[in-house]
Amino acid sequence: MTQAPTPTADTVRRLVRTLLKESGPGSPSGPGPEVRPVTEGGPQTTWWVGARHVLHLAPDRESGLRRLREVRLRDLVRPHVPVALPTCVAHGEWSPGLICTLDTRLPGGTAEEHDVSAVGEADLAGLLGGLREVPPRAAEALGVPRTAPRSLEALRRTAVAAAAGLARADEFDPARLHQLTPPGAAQLAAQPGTAVLVHHALRGEHLVVSANGRVRGILDWTRAVVGDPAEDIAGLALAVGSGAAVRAATLAGYGARPCLRGLWLARCDAVVRLGEHVAGRGPGRRDPEALALWRTRLRRAWEAILLERVTELREDGDGG
């Protein structure tokens, strides 16, 4: 197994100069662009390069293969969606056997910094609708894996157990999970033949949002799969709130079942992950920022939405 070296600003700057020189004429001269890690502390595998580029350093061979697959996948997806995707300017090896890609930087903030407006929800609808148009076989031909839908009932049971711990910490009322019964979870099982290309990581930091609330781009396609479209609805519920996520999915043509399935995937995931962080077991455990983020995601996922209320009214009416 190749051991990744620790990148420094000097090595990154030299690498960028080499990549830009190899990418064609007109490469910059002089000391090179300003570079800085996107995240201070921890493994510095992503670097800002000047104001226009971002450099991704794969820490292992498998990550490098996903990065190269992402470059091809973005080219496949780009004609189908109304939002921007980064373009790969150059790629190569930053250490023997370890891949790096230099991408264009999309201007804007993130969904953690800016609220998504009503027009931004239409942008998200265009994204979800566009992903349905991408031929799954074409994505699989690039190496995108096909995954089976998760069991909502199994996730519900895990969330019920996690909710008990959150109740002891005064973080969550476990009675809220009673809304999702075992028969309800079974009714919201994924339907056969509904697999589409799924981004599978529509978190707030991967949504490029402008100051006026428009969704201008989508980052990080390395986790994409062919699978359950409710997973992307769930991701949006955690990133921008259940109301916005369901409205976007409805605009994209999804019916009540995948919308409600995505909603409950998000709610159960948020309970489970917050439970891990409160107990000190999650990734980045005992990190106050991670704990605060999952509290925010829990709040977003548990927003009451009109679709739920209408469904409850119909069920009450049917029962009467």
C-alpha atoms as a PDB file:
ATOM      1  CA  MET A   1       0.000   0.000   0.000  1.00  0.00           C
ATOM      2  CA  THR A   2       1.352   3.414  -1.002  1.00  0.00           C
ATOM      3  CA  GLN A   3       1.964   5.678   1.997  1.00  0.00           C
ATOM      4  CA  ALA A   4       0.775   9.187   1.216  1.00  0.00           C
ATOM      5  CA  PRO A   5       3.349  11.857   2.112  1.00  0.00           C
ATOM      6  CA  THR A   6       2.313  14.986   3.974  1.00  0.00           C
ATOM      7  CA  PRO A   7       1.715  17.779   1.444  1.00  0.00           C
ATOM      8  CA  THR A   8       3.092  21.237   2.124  1.00  0.00           C
ATOM      9  CA  ALA A   9       2.363  24.580   0.495  1.00  0.00           C
ATOM     10  CA  ASP A  10       5.673  24.422  -1.386  1.00  0.00           C
ATOM     11  CA  THR A  11       5.078  20.924  -2.769  1.00  0.00           C
ATOM     12  CA  VAL A  12       1.509  21.844  -3.741  1.00  0.00           C
ATOM     13  CA  ARG A  13       2.696  25.012  -5.476  1.00  0.00           C
ATOM     14  CA  ARG A  14       5.327  23.103  -7.468  1.00  0.00           C
ATOM     15  CA  LEU A  15       2.776  20.441  -8.365  1.00  0.00           C
ATOM     16  CA  VAL A  16       0.282  23.035  -9.619  1.00  0.00           C
ATOM     17  CA  ARG A  17       2.942  24.701 -11.774  1.00  0.00           C
ATOM     18  CA  THR A  18       3.755  21.321 -13.328  1.00  0.00           C
ATOM     19  CA  LEU A  19       0.090  20.487 -13.959  1.00  0.00           C
ATOM     20  CA  LEU A  20      -0.641  23.865 -15.528  1.00  0.00           C
ATOM     21  CA  LYS A  21       2.483  23.673 -17.681  1.00  0.00           C
ATOM     22  CA  GLU A  22       1.485  20.254 -18.957  1.00  0.00           C
ATOM     23  CA  SER A  23      -2.111  21.355 -19.585  1.00  0.00           C
ATOM     24  CA  GLY A  24      -1.082  23.667 -22.424  1.00  0.00           C
ATOM     25  CA  PRO A  25       0.503  26.966 -23.441  1.00  0.00           C
ATOM     26  CA  GLY A  26      -0.115  30.146 -21.548  1.00  0.00           C
ATOM     27  CA  SER A  27       0.824  28.666 -18.201  1.00  0.00           C
ATOM     28  CA  PRO A  28       1.706  31.223 -15.509  1.00  0.00           C
ATOM     29  CA  SER A  29       5.303  32.075 -14.737  1.00  0.00           C
ATOM     30  CA  GLY A  30       6.820  33.492 -11.579  1.00  0.00           C
ATOM     31  CA  PRO A  31       6.580  32.122  -8.032  1.00  0.00           C
ATOM     32  CA  GLY A  32       3.251  30.402  -8.646  1.00  0.00           C
ATOM     33  CA  PRO A  33      -0.260  30.918  -7.295  1.00  0.00           C
ATOM     34  CA  GLU A  34      -1.195  31.302  -3.668  1.00  0.00           C
ATOM     35  CA  VAL A  35      -2.208  27.959  -2.182  1.00  0.00           C
ATOM     36  CA  ARG A  36      -3.869  27.067   1.114  1.00  0.00           C
ATOM     37  CA  PRO A  37      -5.661  24.013   2.484  1.00  0.00           C
ATOM     38  CA  VAL A  38      -9.451  24.117   2.356  1.00  0.00           C
ATOM     39  CA  THR A  39      -9.619  22.675   5.877  1.00  0.00           C
ATOM     40  CA  GLU A  40      -7.074  23.634   8.497  1.00  0.00           C
ATOM     41  CA  GLY A  41      -5.896  20.685  10.567  1.00  0.00           C
ATOM     42  CA  GLY A  42      -6.390  17.023   9.757  1.00  0.00           C
ATOM     43  CA  PRO A  43      -5.450  15.462   6.405  1.00  0.00           C
ATOM     44  CA  GLN A  44      -4.891  18.319   3.968  1.00  0.00           C
ATOM     45  CA  THR A  45      -5.994  16.623   0.752  1.00  0.00           C
ATOM     46  CA  THR A  46      -7.898  19.568  -0.766  1.00  0.00           C
ATOM     47  CA  TRP A  47      -6.254  22.925  -1.509  1.00  0.00           C
ATOM     48  CA  TRP A  48      -7.430  26.252  -2.844  1.00  0.00           C
ATOM     49  CA  VAL A  49      -5.204  27.346  -5.713  1.00  0.00           C
ATOM     50  CA  GLY A  50      -5.493  31.063  -6.300  1.00  0.00           C
ATOM     51  CA  ALA A  51      -9.065  32.237  -6.846  1.00  0.00           C
ATOM     52  CA  ARG A  52      -9.942  29.969  -9.746  1.00  0.00           C
ATOM     53  CA  HIS A  53      -8.859  26.402  -8.988  1.00  0.00           C
ATOM     54  CA  VAL A  54      -9.005  23.668  -6.372  1.00  0.00           C
ATOM     55  CA  LEU A  55      -6.554  20.784  -6.115  1.00  0.00           C
ATOM     56  CA  HIS A  56      -7.636  17.338  -4.873  1.00  0.00           C
ATOM     57  CA  LEU A  57      -4.931  14.965  -3.640  1.00  0.00           C
ATOM     58  CA  ALA A  58      -6.066  11.350  -3.410  1.00  0.00           C
ATOM     59  CA  PRO A  59      -4.699   9.823  -0.187  1.00  0.00           C
ATOM     60  CA  ASP A  60      -4.776   6.256  -1.591  1.00  0.00           C
ATOM     61  CA  ARG A  61      -5.203   4.384  -4.867  1.00  0.00           C
ATOM     62  CA  GLU A  62      -8.912   3.712  -4.405  1.00  0.00           C
ATOM     63  CA  SER A  63      -9.629   7.397  -3.802  1.00  0.00           C
ATOM     64  CA  GLY A  64      -7.612   8.231  -6.914  1.00  0.00           C
ATOM     65  CA  LEU A  65      -9.707   5.891  -9.040  1.00  0.00           C
ATOM     66  CA  ARG A  66     -12.873   7.553  -7.701  1.00  0.00           C
ATOM     67  CA  ARG A  67     -11.427  10.963  -8.589  1.00  0.00           C
ATOM     68  CA  LEU A  68     -10.749   9.914 -12.179  1.00  0.00           C
ATOM     69  CA  ARG A  69     -14.218   8.366 -12.395  1.00  0.00           C
ATOM     70  CA  GLU A  70     -15.676  11.630 -11.103  1.00  0.00           C
ATOM     71  CA  VAL A  71     -14.063  13.560 -13.957  1.00  0.00           C
ATOM     72  CA  ARG A  72     -15.759  11.314 -16.531  1.00  0.00           C
ATOM     73  CA  LEU A  73     -19.046  11.219 -14.629  1.00  0.00           C
ATOM     74  CA  ARG A  74     -19.316  15.000 -14.462  1.00  0.00           C
ATOM     75  CA  ASP A  75     -18.950  15.123 -18.256  1.00  0.00           C
ATOM     76  CA  LEU A  76     -21.800  12.602 -18.525  1.00  0.00           C
ATOM     77  CA  VAL A  77     -24.059  14.497 -16.119  1.00  0.00           C
ATOM     78  CA  ARG A  78     -23.320  18.072 -17.230  1.00  0.00           C
ATOM     79  CA  PRO A  79     -25.706  18.191 -20.271  1.00  0.00           C
ATOM     80  CA  HIS A  80     -28.645  17.010 -18.134  1.00  0.00           C
ATOM     81  CA  VAL A  81     -28.549  19.442 -15.211  1.00  0.00           C
ATOM     82  CA  PRO A  82     -29.081  23.221 -14.985  1.00  0.00           C
ATOM     83  CA  VAL A  83     -26.359  23.803 -12.384  1.00  0.00           C
ATOM     84  CA  ALA A  84     -22.605  24.009 -12.893  1.00  0.00           C
ATOM     85  CA  LEU A  85     -20.183  21.189 -12.213  1.00  0.00           C
ATOM     86  CA  PRO A  86     -16.433  21.697 -11.802  1.00  0.00           C
ATOM     87  CA  THR A  87     -14.282  21.083 -14.870  1.00  0.00           C
ATOM     88  CA  CYS A  88     -11.017  19.194 -14.611  1.00  0.00           C
ATOM     89  CA  VAL A  89      -8.139  21.364 -15.891  1.00  0.00           C
ATOM     90  CA  ALA A  90      -5.419  18.740 -15.414  1.00  0.00           C
ATOM     91  CA  HIS A  91      -4.671  15.536 -13.576  1.00  0.00           C
ATOM     92  CA  GLY A  92      -1.610  13.482 -12.808  1.00  0.00           C
ATOM     93  CA  GLU A  93       0.244  11.889  -9.902  1.00  0.00           C
ATOM     94  CA  TRP A  94       1.228  13.943  -6.882  1.00  0.00           C
ATOM     95  CA  SER A  95       3.155  11.001  -5.416  1.00  0.00           C
ATOM     96  CA  PRO A  96       3.995   7.659  -7.057  1.00  0.00           C
ATOM     97  CA  GLY A  97       0.704   5.819  -7.556  1.00  0.00           C
ATOM     98  CA  LEU A  98      -1.428   8.617  -6.062  1.00  0.00           C
ATOM     99  CA  ILE A  99      -3.726  10.649  -8.319  1.00  0.00           C
ATOM    100  CA  CYS A 100      -4.413  14.372  -8.158  1.00  0.00           C
ATOM    101  CA  THR A 101      -6.929  16.480 -10.074  1.00  0.00           C
ATOM    102  CA  LEU A 102      -6.926  20.240 -10.610  1.00  0.00           C
ATOM    103  CA  ASP A 103     -10.502  21.519 -11.030  1.00  0.00           C
ATOM    104  CA  THR A 104     -12.088  24.863 -11.726  1.00  0.00           C
ATOM    105  CA  ARG A 105     -13.464  26.571  -8.633  1.00  0.00           C
ATOM    106  CA  LEU A 106     -17.163  27.437  -8.722  1.00  0.00           C
ATOM    107  CA  PRO A 107     -17.935  30.916  -7.333  1.00  0.00           C
ATOM    108  CA  GLY A 108     -20.316  31.168  -4.408  1.00  0.00           C
ATOM    109  CA  GLY A 109     -20.774  30.021  -0.842  1.00  0.00           C
ATOM    110  CA  THR A 110     -22.373  26.861   0.497  1.00  0.00           C
ATOM    111  CA  ALA A 111     -25.812  25.895   1.757  1.00  0.00           C
ATOM    112  CA  GLU A 112     -24.348  26.141   5.264  1.00  0.00           C
ATOM    113  CA  GLU A 113     -23.623  29.831   4.589  1.00  0.00           C
ATOM    114  CA  HIS A 114     -26.613  30.937   2.462  1.00  0.00           C
ATOM    115  CA  ASP A 115     -30.283  29.970   2.582  1.00  0.00           C
ATOM    116  CA  VAL A 116     -31.706  28.466  -0.601  1.00  0.00           C
ATOM    117  CA  SER A 117     -34.447  30.646  -2.093  1.00  0.00           C
ATOM    118  CA  ALA A 118     -37.600  29.542  -3.918  1.00  0.00           C
ATOM    119  CA  VAL A 119     -35.743  29.949  -7.205  1.00  0.00           C
ATOM    120  CA  GLY A 120     -32.906  27.904  -5.708  1.00  0.00           C
ATOM    121  CA  GLU A 121     -35.420  25.138  -4.977  1.00  0.00           C
ATOM    122  CA  ALA A 122     -36.225  25.149  -8.693  1.00  0.00           C
ATOM    123  CA  ASP A 123     -32.498  24.729  -9.354  1.00  0.00           C
ATOM    124  CA  LEU A 124     -32.513  21.676  -7.073  1.00  0.00           C
ATOM    125  CA  ALA A 125     -35.577  20.343  -8.883  1.00  0.00           C
ATOM    126  CA  GLY A 126     -33.653  20.646 -12.142  1.00  0.00           C
ATOM    127  CA  LEU A 127     -30.780  18.723 -10.580  1.00  0.00           C
ATOM    128  CA  LEU A 128     -33.001  15.866  -9.365  1.00  0.00           C
ATOM    129  CA  GLY A 129     -34.877  15.759 -12.654  1.00  0.00           C
ATOM    130  CA  GLY A 130     -31.653  15.803 -14.645  1.00  0.00           C
ATOM    131  CA  LEU A 131     -30.197  12.888 -12.702  1.00  0.00           C
ATOM    132  CA  ARG A 132     -33.255  10.835 -13.679  1.00  0.00           C
ATOM    133  CA  GLU A 133     -32.395  11.473 -17.330  1.00  0.00           C
ATOM    134  CA  VAL A 134     -28.821  10.173 -17.099  1.00  0.00           C
ATOM    135  CA  PRO A 135     -28.829   6.611 -18.529  1.00  0.00           C
ATOM    136  CA  PRO A 136     -27.932   4.307 -15.610  1.00  0.00           C
ATOM    137  CA  ARG A 137     -26.052   1.958 -17.944  1.00  0.00           C
ATOM    138  CA  ALA A 138     -23.849   4.824 -19.124  1.00  0.00           C
ATOM    139  CA  ALA A 139     -22.983   5.655 -15.529  1.00  0.00           C
ATOM    140  CA  GLU A 140     -22.286   2.023 -14.700  1.00  0.00           C
ATOM    141  CA  ALA A 141     -20.037   1.793 -17.753  1.00  0.00           C
ATOM    142  CA  LEU A 142     -17.851   4.446 -16.092  1.00  0.00           C
ATOM    143  CA  GLY A 143     -17.575   2.296 -12.973  1.00  0.00           C
ATOM    144  CA  VAL A 144     -20.372   3.877 -10.910  1.00  0.00           C
ATOM    145  CA  PRO A 145     -21.590   1.086  -8.592  1.00  0.00           C
ATOM    146  CA  ARG A 146     -25.210  -0.027  -8.306  1.00  0.00           C
ATOM    147  CA  THR A 147     -26.446  -0.246  -4.714  1.00  0.00           C
ATOM    148  CA  ALA A 148     -29.557  -1.798  -3.197  1.00  0.00           C
ATOM    149  CA  PRO A 149     -31.999   0.453  -1.317  1.00  0.00           C
ATOM    150  CA  ARG A 150     -31.586   0.627   2.440  1.00  0.00           C
ATOM    151  CA  SER A 151     -34.158  -0.968   4.718  1.00  0.00           C
ATOM    152  CA  LEU A 152     -36.139   1.868   6.258  1.00  0.00           C
ATOM    153  CA  GLU A 153     -37.454  -0.490   8.950  1.00  0.00           C
ATOM    154  CA  ALA A 154     -33.924  -1.496   9.989  1.00  0.00           C
ATOM    155  CA  LEU A 155     -32.921   2.176  10.056  1.00  0.00           C
ATOM    156  CA  ARG A 156     -36.054   3.004  12.091  1.00  0.00           C
ATOM    157  CA  ARG A 157     -35.129   0.438  14.731  1.00  0.00           C
ATOM    158  CA  THR A 158     -31.593   1.832  14.948  1.00  0.00           C
ATOM    159  CA  ALA A 159     -33.002   5.348  15.290  1.00  0.00           C
ATOM    160  CA  VAL A 160     -35.386   4.269  18.073  1.00  0.00           C
ATOM    161  CA  ALA A 161     -32.428   2.910  20.049  1.00  0.00           C
ATOM    162  CA  ALA A 162     -30.398   6.082  19.420  1.00  0.00           C
ATOM    163  CA  ALA A 163     -33.348   8.266  20.425  1.00  0.00           C
ATOM    164  CA  ALA A 164     -33.368   6.699  23.893  1.00  0.00           C
ATOM    165  CA  GLY A 165     -29.808   7.899  24.454  1.00  0.00           C
ATOM    166  CA  LEU A 166     -30.663  11.351  23.086  1.00  0.00           C
ATOM    167  CA  ALA A 167     -33.629  11.545  25.459  1.00  0.00           C
ATOM    168  CA  ARG A 168     -31.336  10.896  28.428  1.00  0.00           C
ATOM    169  CA  ALA A 169     -29.121  13.744  27.184  1.00  0.00           C
ATOM    170  CA  ASP A 170     -32.206  15.959  26.728  1.00  0.00           C
ATOM    171  CA  GLU A 171     -31.473  16.288  22.999  1.00  0.00           C
ATOM    172  CA  PHE A 172     -34.562  14.703  21.397  1.00  0.00           C
ATOM    173  CA  ASP A 173     -38.073  13.505  22.249  1.00  0.00           C
ATOM    174  CA  PRO A 174     -38.214   9.827  21.173  1.00  0.00           C
ATOM    175  CA  ALA A 175     -42.009  10.016  20.903  1.00  0.00           C
ATOM    176  CA  ARG A 176     -41.535  11.888  17.614  1.00  0.00           C
ATOM    177  CA  LEU A 177     -40.351   8.643  16.019  1.00  0.00           C
ATOM    178  CA  HIS A 178     -43.714   7.037  16.795  1.00  0.00           C
ATOM    179  CA  GLN A 179     -44.995   8.745  13.656  1.00  0.00           C
ATOM    180  CA  LEU A 180     -43.101   6.131  11.648  1.00  0.00           C
ATOM    181  CA  THR A 181     -44.586   2.743  12.481  1.00  0.00           C
ATOM    182  CA  PRO A 182     -43.260  -0.610  11.206  1.00  0.00           C
ATOM    183  CA  PRO A 183     -46.202  -0.865   8.728  1.00  0.00           C
ATOM    184  CA  GLY A 184     -45.483   2.700   7.622  1.00  0.00           C
ATOM    185  CA  ALA A 185     -41.814   1.918   7.052  1.00  0.00           C
ATOM    186  CA  ALA A 186     -42.826  -1.133   5.002  1.00  0.00           C
ATOM    187  CA  GLN A 187     -45.200   0.992   2.953  1.00  0.00           C
ATOM    188  CA  LEU A 188     -42.338   3.389   2.171  1.00  0.00           C
ATOM    189  CA  ALA A 189     -40.004   0.651   0.921  1.00  0.00           C
ATOM    190  CA  ALA A 190     -38.269   1.515  -2.352  1.00  0.00           C
ATOM    191  CA  GLN A 191     -40.152   0.311  -5.406  1.00  0.00           C
ATOM    192  CA  PRO A 192     -38.501  -2.042  -7.936  1.00  0.00           C
ATOM    193  CA  GLY A 193     -37.222  -0.511 -11.140  1.00  0.00           C
ATOM    194  CA  THR A 194     -36.790   3.004  -9.747  1.00  0.00           C
ATOM    195  CA  ALA A 195     -32.973   3.146  -9.599  1.00  0.00           C
ATOM    196  CA  VAL A 196     -31.414   6.311 -11.024  1.00  0.00           C
ATOM    197  CA  LEU A 197     -28.053   8.036 -10.845  1.00  0.00           C
ATOM    198  CA  VAL A 198     -27.769   9.348  -7.270  1.00  0.00           C
ATOM    199  CA  HIS A 199     -25.213  11.936  -6.158  1.00  0.00           C
ATOM    200  CA  HIS A 200     -25.354  10.367  -2.689  1.00  0.00           C
ATOM    201  CA  ALA A 201     -23.598  13.233  -0.878  1.00  0.00           C
ATOM    202  CA  LEU A 202     -25.865  16.263  -1.288  1.00  0.00           C
ATOM    203  CA  ARG A 203     -24.641  17.821   1.920  1.00  0.00           C
ATOM    204  CA  GLY A 204     -24.644  21.542   2.544  1.00  0.00           C
ATOM    205  CA  GLU A 205     -20.938  21.935   1.828  1.00  0.00           C
ATOM    206  CA  HIS A 206     -21.398  20.355  -1.611  1.00  0.00           C
ATOM    207  CA  LEU A 207     -24.124  22.799  -2.713  1.00  0.00           C
ATOM    208  CA  VAL A 208     -22.671  26.002  -4.183  1.00  0.00           C
ATOM    209  CA  VAL A 209     -25.184  28.720  -3.298  1.00  0.00           C
ATOM    210  CA  SER A 210     -25.070  32.388  -4.240  1.00  0.00           C
ATOM    211  CA  ALA A 211     -25.913  35.224  -1.871  1.00  0.00           C
ATOM    212  CA  ASN A 212     -29.389  35.522  -3.438  1.00  0.00           C
ATOM    213  CA  GLY A 213     -30.183  31.862  -2.728  1.00  0.00           C
ATOM    214  CA  ARG A 214     -29.650  30.371  -6.193  1.00  0.00           C
ATOM    215  CA  VAL A 215     -27.988  26.945  -6.355  1.00  0.00           C
ATOM    216  CA  ARG A 216     -25.118  27.533  -8.774  1.00  0.00           C
ATOM    217  CA  GLY A 217     -23.213  24.254  -8.637  1.00  0.00           C
ATOM    218  CA  ILE A 218     -22.770  20.793  -7.140  1.00  0.00           C
ATOM    219  CA  LEU A 219     -19.440  19.488  -5.841  1.00  0.00           C
ATOM    220  CA  ASP A 220     -17.937  16.060  -5.034  1.00  0.00           C
ATOM    221  CA  TRP A 221     -19.387  13.330  -7.240  1.00  0.00           C
ATOM    222  CA  THR A 222     -17.019  10.657  -5.897  1.00  0.00           C
ATOM    223  CA  ARG A 223     -19.771   8.899  -3.909  1.00  0.00           C
ATOM    224  CA  ALA A 224     -22.260   8.677  -6.796  1.00  0.00           C
ATOM    225  CA  VAL A 225     -24.154   5.412  -7.226  1.00  0.00           C
ATOM    226  CA  VAL A 226     -26.975   4.005  -9.291  1.00  0.00           C
ATOM    227  CA  GLY A 227     -29.643   3.427  -6.694  1.00  0.00           C
ATOM    228  CA  ASP A 228     -32.471   4.845  -4.615  1.00  0.00           C
ATOM    229  CA  PRO A 229     -33.445   8.441  -5.570  1.00  0.00           C
ATOM    230  CA  ALA A 230     -34.845   8.949  -2.060  1.00  0.00           C
ATOM    231  CA  GLU A 231     -31.234   9.123  -0.823  1.00  0.00           C
ATOM    232  CA  ASP A 232     -30.716  12.439  -2.612  1.00  0.00           C
ATOM    233  CA  ILE A 233     -34.044  13.743  -1.283  1.00  0.00           C
ATOM    234  CA  ALA A 234     -32.821  12.746   2.185  1.00  0.00           C
ATOM    235  CA  GLY A 235     -29.502  14.516   1.615  1.00  0.00           C
ATOM    236  CA  LEU A 236     -31.304  17.711   0.648  1.00  0.00           C
ATOM    237  CA  ALA A 237     -33.557  17.470   3.717  1.00  0.00           C
ATOM    238  CA  LEU A 238     -30.434  17.491   5.905  1.00  0.00           C
ATOM    239  CA  ALA A 239     -28.797  20.250   3.847  1.00  0.00           C
ATOM    240  CA  VAL A 240     -31.621  22.719   3.193  1.00  0.00           C
ATOM    241  CA  GLY A 241     -34.587  21.470   5.224  1.00  0.00           C
ATOM    242  CA  SER A 242     -37.386  19.012   4.643  1.00  0.00           C
ATOM    243  CA  GLY A 243     -39.751  21.592   3.188  1.00  0.00           C
ATOM    244  CA  ALA A 244     -37.343  22.751   0.494  1.00  0.00           C
ATOM    245  CA  ALA A 245     -36.220  19.193  -0.270  1.00  0.00           C
ATOM    246  CA  VAL A 246     -39.749  17.863  -0.754  1.00  0.00           C
ATOM    247  CA  ARG A 247     -40.824  20.872  -2.787  1.00  0.00           C
ATOM    248  CA  ALA A 248     -37.799  20.404  -5.071  1.00  0.00           C
ATOM    249  CA  ALA A 249     -38.457  16.672  -5.421  1.00  0.00           C
ATOM    250  CA  THR A 250     -42.119  17.311  -6.201  1.00  0.00           C
ATOM    251  CA  LEU A 251     -41.158  19.869  -8.860  1.00  0.00           C
ATOM    252  CA  ALA A 252     -38.817  17.223 -10.302  1.00  0.00           C
ATOM    253  CA  GLY A 253     -41.769  14.849 -10.732  1.00  0.00           C
ATOM    254  CA  TYR A 254     -41.397  12.614  -7.684  1.00  0.00           C
ATOM    255  CA  GLY A 255     -44.572  11.470  -5.960  1.00  0.00           C
ATOM    256  CA  ALA A 256     -45.482  11.193  -2.295  1.00  0.00           C
ATOM    257  CA  ARG A 257     -43.847   7.801  -1.677  1.00  0.00           C
ATOM    258  CA  PRO A 258     -40.208   8.686  -2.607  1.00  0.00           C
ATOM    259  CA  CYS A 259     -40.604  12.118  -0.982  1.00  0.00           C
ATOM    260  CA  LEU A 260     -41.800  10.650   2.320  1.00  0.00           C
ATOM    261  CA  ARG A 261     -39.224   7.876   2.112  1.00  0.00           C
ATOM    262  CA  GLY A 262     -36.462  10.474   1.684  1.00  0.00           C
ATOM    263  CA  LEU A 263     -37.880  12.509   4.544  1.00  0.00           C
ATOM    264  CA  TRP A 264     -37.803   9.543   6.942  1.00  0.00           C
ATOM    265  CA  LEU A 265     -34.364   8.400   5.800  1.00  0.00           C
ATOM    266  CA  ALA A 266     -33.105  11.879   6.681  1.00  0.00           C
ATOM    267  CA  ARG A 267     -34.884  11.973  10.047  1.00  0.00           C
ATOM    268  CA  CYS A 268     -33.653   8.565  11.138  1.00  0.00           C
ATOM    269  CA  ASP A 269     -30.123   9.257   9.878  1.00  0.00           C
ATOM    270  CA  ALA A 270     -30.048  12.531  11.816  1.00  0.00           C
ATOM    271  CA  VAL A 271     -31.169  10.843  15.034  1.00  0.00           C
ATOM    272  CA  VAL A 272     -28.598   8.057  14.640  1.00  0.00           C
ATOM    273  CA  ARG A 273     -25.695  10.347  13.766  1.00  0.00           C
ATOM    274  CA  LEU A 274     -26.484  12.899  16.475  1.00  0.00           C
ATOM    275  CA  GLY A 275     -26.725  10.000  18.924  1.00  0.00           C
ATOM    276  CA  GLU A 276     -23.234   8.862  17.891  1.00  0.00           C
ATOM    277  CA  HIS A 277     -21.781  12.334  18.400  1.00  0.00           C
ATOM    278  CA  VAL A 278     -23.488  12.879  21.750  1.00  0.00           C
ATOM    279  CA  ALA A 279     -22.131   9.521  22.905  1.00  0.00           C
ATOM    280  CA  GLY A 280     -18.680  10.362  21.524  1.00  0.00           C
ATOM    281  CA  ARG A 281     -18.700   7.578  18.938  1.00  0.00           C
ATOM    282  CA  GLY A 282     -19.158   9.352  15.592  1.00  0.00           C
ATOM    283  CA  PRO A 283     -16.527  10.477  13.073  1.00  0.00           C
ATOM    284  CA  GLY A 284     -14.912  13.603  14.479  1.00  0.00           C
ATOM    285  CA  ARG A 285     -16.236  12.580  17.897  1.00  0.00           C
ATOM    286  CA  ARG A 286     -16.143  15.173  20.640  1.00  0.00           C
ATOM    287  CA  ASP A 287     -15.833  17.836  17.954  1.00  0.00           C
ATOM    288  CA  PRO A 288     -18.119  20.728  19.029  1.00  0.00           C
ATOM    289  CA  GLU A 289     -18.564  21.874  15.428  1.00  0.00           C
ATOM    290  CA  ALA A 290     -19.631  18.415  14.248  1.00  0.00           C
ATOM    291  CA  LEU A 291     -22.043  18.131  17.155  1.00  0.00           C
ATOM    292  CA  ALA A 292     -23.548  21.535  16.366  1.00  0.00           C
ATOM    293  CA  LEU A 293     -23.845  20.628  12.681  1.00  0.00           C
ATOM    294  CA  TRP A 294     -25.795  17.438  13.412  1.00  0.00           C
ATOM    295  CA  ARG A 295     -28.081  19.338  15.773  1.00  0.00           C
ATOM    296  CA  THR A 296     -28.799  21.714  12.904  1.00  0.00           C
ATOM    297  CA  ARG A 297     -29.341  18.835  10.480  1.00  0.00           C
ATOM    298  CA  LEU A 298     -31.714  17.182  12.940  1.00  0.00           C
ATOM    299  CA  ARG A 299     -33.737  20.378  13.132  1.00  0.00           C
ATOM    300  CA  ARG A 300     -33.858  20.676   9.352  1.00  0.00           C
ATOM    301  CA  ALA A 301     -34.920  17.062   8.850  1.00  0.00           C
ATOM    302  CA  TRP A 302     -37.715  17.301  11.419  1.00  0.00           C
ATOM    303  CA  GLU A 303     -39.380  20.323   9.866  1.00  0.00           C
ATOM    304  CA  ALA A 304     -43.104  19.601   9.482  1.00  0.00           C
ATOM    305  CA  ILE A 305     -44.102  19.611   5.826  1.00  0.00           C
ATOM    306  CA  LEU A 306     -47.448  20.030   4.081  1.00  0.00           C
ATOM    307  CA  LEU A 307     -47.217  16.598   2.435  1.00  0.00           C
ATOM    308  CA  GLU A 308     -47.193  14.942   5.872  1.00  0.00           C
ATOM    309  CA  ARG A 309     -50.162  16.936   7.069  1.00  0.00           C
ATOM    310  CA  VAL A 310     -52.186  16.172   3.956  1.00  0.00           C
ATOM    311  CA  THR A 311     -51.292  12.476   4.219  1.00  0.00           C
ATOM    312  CA  GLU A 312     -52.329  12.417   7.892  1.00  0.00           C
ATOM    313  CA  LEU A 313     -55.630  14.093   7.067  1.00  0.00           C
ATOM    314  CA  ARG A 314     -56.330  11.557   4.330  1.00  0.00           C
ATOM    315  CA  GLU A 315     -55.535   8.667   6.647  1.00  0.00           C
ATOM    316  CA  ASP A 316     -57.822  10.113   9.330  1.00  0.00           C
ATOM    317  CA  GLY A 317     -60.555  10.536   6.760  1.00  0.00           C
ATOM    318  CA  ASP A 318     -60.154   7.016   5.430  1.00  0.00           C
ATOM    319  CA  GLY A 319     -60.297   5.603   8.960  1.00  0.00           C
ATOM    320  CA  GLY A 320     -63.487   7.536   9.739  1.00  0.00           C
END
